[in-house]
Amino acid sequence: MTLVILAAFGCVTLLLTQISDVLSRIPQIIRAWRQVRRELSGVPDAGSGDHLARGTSPGTLAVSQRDGDPALDERGMRRDEI
């Protein structure tokens, strides 16, 4: 019986940890979704000349190091492909 109670508490703890992890990622997901919508609509980011600095048009998706994969360089290419 004790083993069942311990297993149940372990499952509840794991579930709460997973929920906390998902909830902590929601702001990042919302920012990424807004960036994708903004890039696809062709509206440049307010106050950011990000697309100008990269030589891309506003409608071209450009992922920066601060927003995307740390394995990408400033041109958006994977570091291991350079």
N, C-alpha and C. Protein backbone atom coordinates (compact mmCIF):
# COMPACT_ATOMS: atom_id res chain seq x y z
N MET A 1 0.81 -1.19 0.00
CA MET A 1 0.00 0.00 0.00
C MET A 1 0.87 1.27 0.00
N THR A 2 1.92 1.24 0.81
CA THR A 2 2.82 2.39 0.88
C THR A 2 3.47 2.65 -0.46
N LEU A 3 3.83 1.59 -1.15
CA LEU A 3 4.46 1.72 -2.45
C LEU A 3 3.51 2.37 -3.47
N VAL A 4 2.24 2.05 -3.40
CA VAL A 4 1.24 2.64 -4.29
C VAL A 4 1.11 4.14 -4.01
N ILE A 5 1.11 4.51 -2.75
CA ILE A 5 1.01 5.93 -2.38
C ILE A 5 2.23 6.68 -2.87
N LEU A 6 3.42 6.11 -2.68
CA LEU A 6 4.65 6.76 -3.16
C LEU A 6 4.65 6.89 -4.68
N ALA A 7 4.19 5.87 -5.37
CA ALA A 7 4.12 5.93 -6.83
C ALA A 7 3.13 7.00 -7.28
N ALA A 8 2.01 7.11 -6.60
CA ALA A 8 1.01 8.13 -6.94
C ALA A 8 1.57 9.53 -6.74
N PHE A 9 2.26 9.76 -5.62
CA PHE A 9 2.88 11.06 -5.39
C PHE A 9 3.97 11.35 -6.42
N GLY A 10 4.71 10.33 -6.82
CA GLY A 10 5.72 10.51 -7.86
C GLY A 10 5.08 10.92 -9.18
N CYS A 11 3.98 10.29 -9.53
CA CYS A 11 3.27 10.64 -10.77
C CYS A 11 2.71 12.05 -10.72
N VAL A 12 2.16 12.43 -9.58
CA VAL A 12 1.62 13.79 -9.43
C VAL A 12 2.76 14.81 -9.53
N THR A 13 3.89 14.53 -8.91
CA THR A 13 5.04 15.43 -8.98
C THR A 13 5.53 15.57 -10.41
N LEU A 14 5.63 14.47 -11.11
CA LEU A 14 6.06 14.50 -12.51
C LEU A 14 5.07 15.30 -13.36
N LEU A 15 3.80 15.10 -13.15
CA LEU A 15 2.78 15.82 -13.89
C LEU A 15 2.87 17.33 -13.64
N LEU A 16 3.02 17.71 -12.38
CA LEU A 16 3.12 19.13 -12.04
C LEU A 16 4.40 19.75 -12.63
N THR A 17 5.48 19.00 -12.66
CA THR A 17 6.72 19.48 -13.26
C THR A 17 6.55 19.70 -14.75
N GLN A 18 5.90 18.78 -15.43
CA GLN A 18 5.67 18.91 -16.86
C GLN A 18 4.76 20.11 -17.17
N ILE A 19 3.73 20.29 -16.38
CA ILE A 19 2.82 21.43 -16.57
C ILE A 19 3.57 22.74 -16.37
N SER A 20 4.40 22.80 -15.34
CA SER A 20 5.19 24.00 -15.08
C SER A 20 6.13 24.31 -16.25
N ASP A 21 6.74 23.28 -16.81
CA ASP A 21 7.65 23.46 -17.95
C ASP A 21 6.91 24.01 -19.16
N VAL A 22 5.75 23.46 -19.45
CA VAL A 22 4.96 23.92 -20.59
C VAL A 22 4.50 25.37 -20.38
N LEU A 23 4.04 25.68 -19.18
CA LEU A 23 3.58 27.04 -18.89
C LEU A 23 4.72 28.05 -18.96
N SER A 24 5.92 27.64 -18.61
CA SER A 24 7.06 28.57 -18.67
C SER A 24 7.47 28.87 -20.11
N ARG A 25 7.12 27.99 -21.03
CA ARG A 25 7.49 28.20 -22.44
C ARG A 25 6.44 28.98 -23.23
N ILE A 26 5.28 29.21 -22.68
CA ILE A 26 4.20 29.88 -23.41
C ILE A 26 4.59 31.27 -23.89
N PRO A 27 5.22 32.13 -23.07
CA PRO A 27 5.60 33.46 -23.59
C PRO A 27 6.55 33.38 -24.79
N GLN A 28 7.50 32.46 -24.75
CA GLN A 28 8.43 32.28 -25.87
C GLN A 28 7.68 31.82 -27.13
N ILE A 29 6.74 30.93 -26.97
CA ILE A 29 5.95 30.44 -28.10
C ILE A 29 5.11 31.57 -28.69
N ILE A 30 4.51 32.39 -27.82
CA ILE A 30 3.69 33.50 -28.29
C ILE A 30 4.55 34.50 -29.06
N ARG A 31 5.75 34.83 -28.54
CA ARG A 31 6.65 35.75 -29.26
C ARG A 31 7.05 35.19 -30.61
N ALA A 32 7.37 33.90 -30.65
CA ALA A 32 7.76 33.28 -31.92
C ALA A 32 6.60 33.30 -32.91
N TRP A 33 5.39 33.01 -32.44
CA TRP A 33 4.22 33.01 -33.31
C TRP A 33 3.95 34.41 -33.87
N ARG A 34 4.07 35.43 -33.00
CA ARG A 34 3.88 36.80 -33.47
C ARG A 34 4.94 37.19 -34.49
N GLN A 35 6.18 36.74 -34.27
CA GLN A 35 7.24 37.06 -35.22
C GLN A 35 6.97 36.39 -36.57
N VAL A 36 6.52 35.15 -36.54
CA VAL A 36 6.21 34.45 -37.79
C VAL A 36 5.09 35.17 -38.52
N ARG A 37 4.04 35.54 -37.81
CA ARG A 37 2.93 36.26 -38.45
C ARG A 37 3.39 37.60 -39.02
N ARG A 38 4.23 38.31 -38.26
CA ARG A 38 4.73 39.61 -38.70
C ARG A 38 5.62 39.44 -39.94
N GLU A 39 6.48 38.44 -39.94
CA GLU A 39 7.37 38.21 -41.08
C GLU A 39 6.57 37.80 -42.33
N LEU A 40 5.56 36.95 -42.14
CA LEU A 40 4.77 36.51 -43.28
C LEU A 40 3.89 37.62 -43.84
N SER A 41 3.46 38.54 -42.99
CA SER A 41 2.63 39.64 -43.48
C SER A 41 3.46 40.73 -44.13
N GLY A 42 4.77 40.72 -43.92
CA GLY A 42 5.65 41.69 -44.55
C GLY A 42 5.77 42.98 -43.78
N VAL A 43 5.25 43.03 -42.56
CA VAL A 43 5.35 44.23 -41.74
C VAL A 43 6.64 44.14 -40.94
N PRO A 44 7.55 45.11 -41.09
CA PRO A 44 8.80 45.06 -40.33
C PRO A 44 8.55 45.27 -38.85
N ASP A 45 9.44 44.74 -38.04
CA ASP A 45 9.36 44.87 -36.60
C ASP A 45 9.49 46.34 -36.22
N ALA A 46 8.61 46.84 -35.39
CA ALA A 46 8.63 48.26 -35.02
C ALA A 46 9.93 48.60 -34.32
N GLY A 47 10.65 49.56 -34.87
CA GLY A 47 11.88 50.03 -34.26
C GLY A 47 13.08 49.15 -34.50
N SER A 48 12.93 48.08 -35.20
CA SER A 48 14.05 47.18 -35.44
C SER A 48 14.35 47.13 -36.92
N GLY A 49 15.58 47.41 -37.27
CA GLY A 49 16.00 47.30 -38.66
C GLY A 49 16.62 45.94 -38.91
N ASP A 50 16.11 44.92 -38.24
CA ASP A 50 16.69 43.58 -38.30
C ASP A 50 16.80 43.08 -39.73
N HIS A 51 15.73 43.25 -40.53
CA HIS A 51 15.77 42.74 -41.89
C HIS A 51 16.72 43.56 -42.76
N LEU A 52 16.94 44.84 -42.41
CA LEU A 52 17.86 45.66 -43.18
C LEU A 52 19.31 45.27 -42.89
N ALA A 53 19.58 44.94 -41.64
CA ALA A 53 20.95 44.58 -41.26
C ALA A 53 21.37 43.26 -41.89
N ARG A 54 20.41 42.41 -42.17
CA ARG A 54 20.73 41.10 -42.73
C ARG A 54 20.67 41.08 -44.24
N GLY A 55 20.15 42.12 -44.83
CA GLY A 55 20.03 42.14 -46.28
C GLY A 55 18.88 41.30 -46.78
N THR A 56 17.87 41.09 -45.94
CA THR A 56 16.70 40.32 -46.34
C THR A 56 15.51 41.25 -46.45
N SER A 57 14.54 40.84 -47.20
CA SER A 57 13.33 41.64 -47.31
C SER A 57 12.47 41.39 -46.08
N PRO A 58 11.55 42.28 -45.77
CA PRO A 58 10.72 42.10 -44.58
C PRO A 58 9.89 40.82 -44.62
N GLY A 59 9.57 40.32 -45.79
CA GLY A 59 8.78 39.10 -45.90
C GLY A 59 9.58 37.82 -45.74
N THR A 60 10.89 37.93 -45.68
CA THR A 60 11.74 36.75 -45.55
C THR A 60 11.94 36.44 -44.08
N LEU A 61 11.74 35.19 -43.72
CA LEU A 61 11.96 34.79 -42.34
C LEU A 61 13.44 34.84 -42.02
N ALA A 62 13.78 35.53 -40.96
CA ALA A 62 15.16 35.62 -40.51
C ALA A 62 15.18 35.39 -39.01
N VAL A 63 15.88 34.38 -38.57
CA VAL A 63 15.95 34.05 -37.16
C VAL A 63 17.28 34.55 -36.62
N SER A 64 17.21 35.34 -35.58
CA SER A 64 18.44 35.85 -34.99
C SER A 64 18.90 34.90 -33.90
N GLN A 65 20.14 35.06 -33.47
CA GLN A 65 20.67 34.22 -32.41
C GLN A 65 19.90 34.42 -31.12
N ARG A 66 19.46 35.65 -30.86
CA ARG A 66 18.78 35.90 -29.59
C ARG A 66 17.40 35.26 -29.56
N ASP A 67 16.78 35.05 -30.72
CA ASP A 67 15.43 34.48 -30.75
C ASP A 67 15.42 33.01 -31.12
N GLY A 68 16.44 32.56 -31.79
CA GLY A 68 16.37 31.21 -32.35
C GLY A 68 17.38 30.25 -31.78
N ASP A 69 17.80 29.38 -32.62
CA ASP A 69 18.72 28.32 -32.26
C ASP A 69 20.12 28.89 -32.03
N PRO A 70 20.74 28.61 -30.88
CA PRO A 70 22.09 29.14 -30.64
C PRO A 70 23.12 28.54 -31.58
N ALA A 71 22.76 27.49 -32.31
CA ALA A 71 23.69 26.89 -33.25
C ALA A 71 23.70 27.63 -34.59
N LEU A 72 22.86 28.68 -34.72
CA LEU A 72 22.81 29.46 -35.95
C LEU A 72 23.72 30.67 -35.84
N ASP A 73 24.38 31.02 -36.92
CA ASP A 73 25.20 32.23 -36.92
C ASP A 73 24.34 33.42 -37.30
N GLU A 74 24.97 34.60 -37.47
CA GLU A 74 24.22 35.82 -37.76
C GLU A 74 23.53 35.81 -39.09
N ARG A 75 23.93 34.92 -40.02
CA ARG A 75 23.27 34.81 -41.32
C ARG A 75 22.15 33.79 -41.31
N GLY A 76 21.96 33.13 -40.16
CA GLY A 76 20.91 32.13 -40.06
C GLY A 76 21.35 30.75 -40.53
N MET A 77 22.66 30.58 -40.77
CA MET A 77 23.17 29.28 -41.21
C MET A 77 23.66 28.50 -39.99
N ARG A 78 23.54 27.21 -40.05
CA ARG A 78 24.03 26.38 -38.96
C ARG A 78 25.55 26.47 -38.90
N ARG A 79 26.08 26.57 -37.71
CA ARG A 79 27.52 26.72 -37.52
C ARG A 79 28.29 25.53 -38.07
N ASP A 80 27.71 24.35 -38.01
CA ASP A 80 28.43 23.17 -38.50
C ASP A 80 28.40 23.06 -40.02
N GLU A 81 27.61 23.90 -40.72
CA GLU A 81 27.55 23.88 -42.18
C GLU A 81 28.48 24.90 -42.81
N ILE A 82 29.05 25.76 -42.00
CA ILE A 82 29.88 26.84 -42.54
C ILE A 82 31.23 26.32 -42.97
